[in-house]
N, C-alpha and C. Protein backbone atom coordinates (compact mmCIF):
# COMPACT_ATOMS: atom_id res chain seq x y z
N MET A 1 75.82 93.96 113.70
CA MET A 1 75.10 94.78 112.77
C MET A 1 75.16 94.12 111.40
N THR A 2 74.06 94.14 110.71
CA THR A 2 73.99 93.62 109.36
C THR A 2 73.54 94.74 108.45
N GLN A 3 74.19 94.86 107.32
CA GLN A 3 73.71 95.82 106.33
C GLN A 3 73.50 95.08 105.02
N HIS A 4 72.43 95.41 104.34
CA HIS A 4 72.06 94.75 103.10
C HIS A 4 71.70 95.80 102.07
N TRP A 5 72.37 95.78 100.95
CA TRP A 5 72.10 96.73 99.87
C TRP A 5 71.06 96.11 98.94
N ASN A 6 69.98 96.83 98.72
CA ASN A 6 68.94 96.41 97.78
C ASN A 6 69.05 97.28 96.54
N THR A 7 69.58 96.72 95.46
CA THR A 7 69.78 97.51 94.26
C THR A 7 68.66 97.26 93.27
N GLY A 8 68.08 98.32 92.78
CA GLY A 8 67.05 98.24 91.76
C GLY A 8 67.53 98.96 90.52
N THR A 9 66.65 99.14 89.57
CA THR A 9 67.04 99.79 88.33
C THR A 9 67.23 101.28 88.49
N ASP A 10 66.51 101.92 89.42
CA ASP A 10 66.60 103.37 89.53
C ASP A 10 67.03 103.86 90.91
N SER A 11 67.29 102.96 91.85
CA SER A 11 67.69 103.42 93.18
C SER A 11 68.47 102.35 93.91
N LEU A 12 68.99 102.74 95.05
CA LEU A 12 69.76 101.85 95.90
C LEU A 12 69.32 102.11 97.33
N ASN A 13 68.93 101.06 98.06
CA ASN A 13 68.50 101.20 99.44
C ASN A 13 69.42 100.42 100.35
N LEU A 14 69.64 100.94 101.54
CA LEU A 14 70.44 100.27 102.55
C LEU A 14 69.53 99.87 103.69
N TYR A 15 69.51 98.59 104.03
CA TYR A 15 68.75 98.08 105.15
C TYR A 15 69.75 97.71 106.25
N MET A 16 69.59 98.28 107.43
CA MET A 16 70.49 97.98 108.55
C MET A 16 69.70 97.34 109.68
N TYR A 17 70.21 96.22 110.16
CA TYR A 17 69.64 95.54 111.32
C TYR A 17 70.74 95.45 112.36
N MET A 18 70.45 95.91 113.57
CA MET A 18 71.45 95.90 114.64
C MET A 18 70.91 95.14 115.84
N ALA A 19 71.75 94.28 116.40
CA ALA A 19 71.46 93.59 117.65
C ALA A 19 72.66 93.84 118.55
N LEU A 20 72.46 94.64 119.58
CA LEU A 20 73.56 95.09 120.45
C LEU A 20 73.31 94.61 121.87
N PRO A 21 74.31 94.03 122.53
CA PRO A 21 74.12 93.54 123.90
C PRO A 21 73.73 94.69 124.85
N LEU A 22 72.72 94.47 125.68
CA LEU A 22 72.26 95.50 126.60
C LEU A 22 73.33 95.89 127.62
N ASN A 23 74.19 94.95 127.98
CA ASN A 23 75.20 95.28 128.99
C ASN A 23 76.27 96.25 128.45
N TYR A 24 76.16 96.64 127.20
CA TYR A 24 77.05 97.63 126.59
C TYR A 24 76.59 99.06 126.87
N PHE A 25 75.34 99.21 127.33
CA PHE A 25 74.74 100.52 127.53
C PHE A 25 74.76 100.94 128.99
N VAL A 26 74.65 102.25 129.21
CA VAL A 26 74.56 102.80 130.56
C VAL A 26 73.08 103.11 130.81
N PHE A 27 72.53 102.50 131.85
CA PHE A 27 71.12 102.70 132.19
C PHE A 27 71.01 103.58 133.43
N ARG A 28 69.94 104.40 133.46
CA ARG A 28 69.66 105.20 134.64
C ARG A 28 68.38 104.67 135.27
N LYS A 29 68.33 104.72 136.57
CA LYS A 29 67.17 104.22 137.30
C LYS A 29 66.11 105.30 137.39
N ASP A 30 64.90 104.97 136.93
CA ASP A 30 63.74 105.82 137.14
C ASP A 30 62.88 105.15 138.22
N ILE A 31 61.72 105.67 138.48
CA ILE A 31 60.89 105.15 139.57
C ILE A 31 60.58 103.67 139.41
N ASP A 32 60.13 103.25 138.23
CA ASP A 32 59.69 101.87 138.06
C ASP A 32 60.38 101.13 136.91
N HIS A 33 61.49 101.68 136.41
CA HIS A 33 62.21 101.03 135.30
C HIS A 33 63.62 101.59 135.18
N PHE A 34 64.36 101.02 134.26
CA PHE A 34 65.72 101.48 133.93
C PHE A 34 65.70 101.93 132.48
N PHE A 35 66.39 103.05 132.20
CA PHE A 35 66.31 103.66 130.88
C PHE A 35 67.69 104.00 130.35
N SER A 36 67.89 103.79 129.06
CA SER A 36 69.12 104.20 128.38
C SER A 36 68.74 104.84 127.05
N GLU A 37 69.50 105.83 126.65
CA GLU A 37 69.27 106.48 125.36
C GLU A 37 70.55 106.38 124.54
N VAL A 38 70.40 106.04 123.28
CA VAL A 38 71.56 105.91 122.40
C VAL A 38 71.32 106.74 121.15
N THR A 39 72.37 107.36 120.65
CA THR A 39 72.30 108.14 119.41
C THR A 39 73.08 107.41 118.32
N PHE A 40 72.42 107.16 117.22
CA PHE A 40 73.04 106.53 116.05
C PHE A 40 73.29 107.60 114.99
N THR A 41 74.39 107.45 114.25
CA THR A 41 74.67 108.37 113.14
C THR A 41 75.17 107.56 111.95
N LEU A 42 74.56 107.79 110.81
CA LEU A 42 74.99 107.18 109.56
C LEU A 42 75.46 108.29 108.63
N VAL A 43 76.67 108.15 108.13
CA VAL A 43 77.23 109.12 107.18
C VAL A 43 77.53 108.38 105.89
N ILE A 44 77.09 108.95 104.78
CA ILE A 44 77.38 108.37 103.46
C ILE A 44 78.18 109.40 102.68
N SER A 45 79.32 108.97 102.17
CA SER A 45 80.18 109.91 101.46
C SER A 45 80.60 109.33 100.11
N ASP A 46 80.91 110.24 99.22
CA ASP A 46 81.44 109.87 97.91
C ASP A 46 82.96 109.86 98.05
N LYS A 47 83.55 108.67 98.03
CA LYS A 47 84.98 108.53 98.28
C LYS A 47 85.81 109.22 97.21
N GLU A 48 85.37 109.18 95.97
CA GLU A 48 86.14 109.79 94.87
C GLU A 48 86.19 111.31 94.99
N GLN A 49 85.09 111.93 95.40
CA GLN A 49 85.06 113.38 95.50
C GLN A 49 85.30 113.88 96.92
N ASN A 50 85.43 112.95 97.87
CA ASN A 50 85.68 113.27 99.26
C ASN A 50 84.63 114.25 99.81
N THR A 51 83.35 113.96 99.51
CA THR A 51 82.25 114.80 99.97
C THR A 51 81.21 113.96 100.70
N GLN A 52 80.59 114.57 101.66
CA GLN A 52 79.52 113.91 102.40
C GLN A 52 78.22 114.09 101.63
N MET A 53 77.56 112.99 101.28
CA MET A 53 76.35 113.03 100.48
C MET A 53 75.08 112.94 101.33
N TYR A 54 75.19 112.28 102.47
CA TYR A 54 74.01 112.03 103.29
C TYR A 54 74.45 111.84 104.74
N ARG A 55 73.68 112.38 105.65
CA ARG A 55 73.96 112.19 107.08
C ARG A 55 72.64 112.17 107.81
N GLU A 56 72.48 111.17 108.67
CA GLU A 56 71.27 111.10 109.47
C GLU A 56 71.63 110.60 110.86
N SER A 57 71.11 111.30 111.87
CA SER A 57 71.27 110.89 113.26
C SER A 57 69.89 110.68 113.84
N TRP A 58 69.79 109.71 114.74
CA TRP A 58 68.53 109.46 115.41
C TRP A 58 68.80 108.86 116.78
N LYS A 59 67.85 109.09 117.67
CA LYS A 59 67.96 108.57 119.03
C LYS A 59 66.93 107.48 119.24
N GLU A 60 67.30 106.51 120.06
CA GLU A 60 66.37 105.46 120.45
C GLU A 60 66.52 105.23 121.94
N GLY A 61 65.40 104.99 122.60
CA GLY A 61 65.40 104.71 124.02
C GLY A 61 65.22 103.23 124.29
N ILE A 62 65.83 102.77 125.37
CA ILE A 62 65.73 101.38 125.79
C ILE A 62 65.20 101.38 127.22
N THR A 63 64.11 100.67 127.46
CA THR A 63 63.50 100.61 128.78
C THR A 63 63.44 99.16 129.24
N LYS A 64 63.90 98.90 130.45
CA LYS A 64 63.84 97.57 131.06
C LYS A 64 63.28 97.72 132.47
N THR A 65 62.46 96.76 132.87
CA THR A 65 61.84 96.81 134.19
C THR A 65 62.82 96.45 135.29
N TYR A 66 63.68 95.47 135.03
CA TYR A 66 64.58 94.96 136.07
C TYR A 66 66.03 95.24 135.73
N TYR A 67 66.81 95.59 136.74
CA TYR A 67 68.23 95.88 136.56
C TYR A 67 68.98 94.68 135.98
N GLU A 68 68.63 93.47 136.43
CA GLU A 68 69.29 92.25 135.96
C GLU A 68 69.20 92.12 134.44
N ASP A 69 68.09 92.59 133.86
CA ASP A 69 67.94 92.53 132.39
C ASP A 69 68.93 93.43 131.67
N THR A 70 69.38 94.49 132.32
CA THR A 70 70.32 95.42 131.68
C THR A 70 71.76 94.90 131.71
N ARG A 71 72.05 93.94 132.58
CA ARG A 71 73.41 93.43 132.74
C ARG A 71 73.62 92.07 132.07
N ASP A 72 72.57 91.40 131.67
CA ASP A 72 72.67 90.07 131.08
C ASP A 72 73.23 90.17 129.66
N PRO A 73 74.39 89.56 129.37
CA PRO A 73 74.99 89.66 128.04
C PRO A 73 74.19 88.92 126.96
N ASP A 74 73.20 88.13 127.36
CA ASP A 74 72.35 87.44 126.39
C ASP A 74 71.12 88.25 125.99
N ASN A 75 70.90 89.41 126.61
CA ASN A 75 69.79 90.29 126.23
C ASN A 75 70.30 91.33 125.25
N TYR A 76 69.54 91.53 124.18
CA TYR A 76 69.96 92.43 123.11
C TYR A 76 68.94 93.52 122.85
N PHE A 77 69.45 94.70 122.47
CA PHE A 77 68.62 95.76 121.92
C PHE A 77 68.64 95.56 120.41
N LYS A 78 67.47 95.41 119.81
CA LYS A 78 67.39 95.15 118.37
C LYS A 78 66.63 96.29 117.70
N THR A 79 67.18 96.73 116.60
CA THR A 79 66.54 97.80 115.84
C THR A 79 66.89 97.64 114.37
N GLU A 80 66.09 98.25 113.52
CA GLU A 80 66.35 98.20 112.09
C GLU A 80 65.91 99.50 111.45
N LYS A 81 66.52 99.80 110.33
CA LYS A 81 66.21 101.04 109.63
C LYS A 81 66.54 100.87 108.15
N ILE A 82 65.74 101.52 107.31
CA ILE A 82 65.97 101.49 105.85
C ILE A 82 66.30 102.92 105.41
N PHE A 83 67.37 103.03 104.63
CA PHE A 83 67.81 104.32 104.10
C PHE A 83 67.74 104.27 102.58
N PRO A 84 67.03 105.21 101.95
CA PRO A 84 67.00 105.26 100.48
C PRO A 84 68.18 106.07 99.92
N TYR A 85 68.77 105.59 98.86
CA TYR A 85 69.89 106.28 98.20
C TYR A 85 69.71 106.27 96.70
N ILE A 86 70.44 107.16 96.06
CA ILE A 86 70.39 107.24 94.61
C ILE A 86 71.48 106.37 93.98
N ARG A 87 72.66 106.30 94.60
CA ARG A 87 73.73 105.46 94.07
C ARG A 87 74.62 104.99 95.22
N GLU A 88 75.54 104.13 94.94
CA GLU A 88 76.35 103.54 95.99
C GLU A 88 77.44 104.49 96.46
N TYR A 89 77.58 104.62 97.78
CA TYR A 89 78.58 105.46 98.40
C TYR A 89 79.28 104.67 99.49
N THR A 90 80.31 105.24 100.06
CA THR A 90 80.96 104.67 101.24
C THR A 90 80.13 105.03 102.46
N THR A 91 79.91 104.06 103.35
CA THR A 91 79.11 104.33 104.54
C THR A 91 79.98 104.33 105.78
N TYR A 92 79.60 105.16 106.75
CA TYR A 92 80.24 105.22 108.06
C TYR A 92 79.12 105.23 109.08
N PHE A 93 79.22 104.37 110.06
CA PHE A 93 78.17 104.27 111.08
C PHE A 93 78.80 104.37 112.45
N SER A 94 78.16 105.12 113.34
CA SER A 94 78.63 105.19 114.73
C SER A 94 77.43 105.33 115.64
N MET A 95 77.66 105.06 116.92
CA MET A 95 76.63 105.28 117.91
C MET A 95 77.30 105.76 119.18
N PHE A 96 76.57 106.51 119.97
CA PHE A 96 77.08 107.05 121.22
C PHE A 96 76.21 106.58 122.37
N ARG A 97 76.88 106.15 123.44
CA ARG A 97 76.17 105.93 124.70
C ARG A 97 76.05 107.30 125.34
N MET A 98 74.86 107.68 125.69
CA MET A 98 74.62 109.05 126.11
C MET A 98 75.29 109.44 127.42
N LYS A 99 75.31 108.61 128.43
CA LYS A 99 75.87 108.99 129.71
C LYS A 99 77.38 109.19 129.66
N THR A 100 78.07 108.40 128.85
CA THR A 100 79.53 108.48 128.81
C THR A 100 80.03 109.20 127.57
N ALA A 101 79.14 109.46 126.61
CA ALA A 101 79.54 110.07 125.33
C ALA A 101 80.65 109.30 124.67
N GLU A 102 80.62 108.00 124.83
CA GLU A 102 81.64 107.13 124.25
C GLU A 102 81.20 106.67 122.86
N ARG A 103 82.09 106.81 121.90
CA ARG A 103 81.77 106.38 120.53
C ARG A 103 81.98 104.88 120.43
N ILE A 104 81.01 104.22 119.79
CA ILE A 104 81.07 102.77 119.58
C ILE A 104 80.90 102.54 118.08
N GLY A 105 81.78 101.77 117.48
CA GLY A 105 81.64 101.45 116.06
C GLY A 105 82.42 102.39 115.18
N LYS A 106 82.48 102.02 113.91
CA LYS A 106 83.19 102.80 112.91
C LYS A 106 82.37 102.91 111.66
């Protein structure tokens, strides 16, 4: 995962790019493909005041035609997202694999 802070005169934006190995996910077999769903959560808090300033969760689906593609450690799920902010805070990021409800990341 890469995060890049874009600071301007009146705002602060966080750009996150993630490339995660597909063999880290749990896929379910459908009729003509394999599918996995992952939930990402970003929490931004003010460390000095110990308060949560921003929280966003979102789900993304991953579809592959062949089972072998889901197990190859060289295949990656890639995604990116931009978050607008007013000032700099501490960030916390996590994601869940849906079938196992296992937390990945900090």
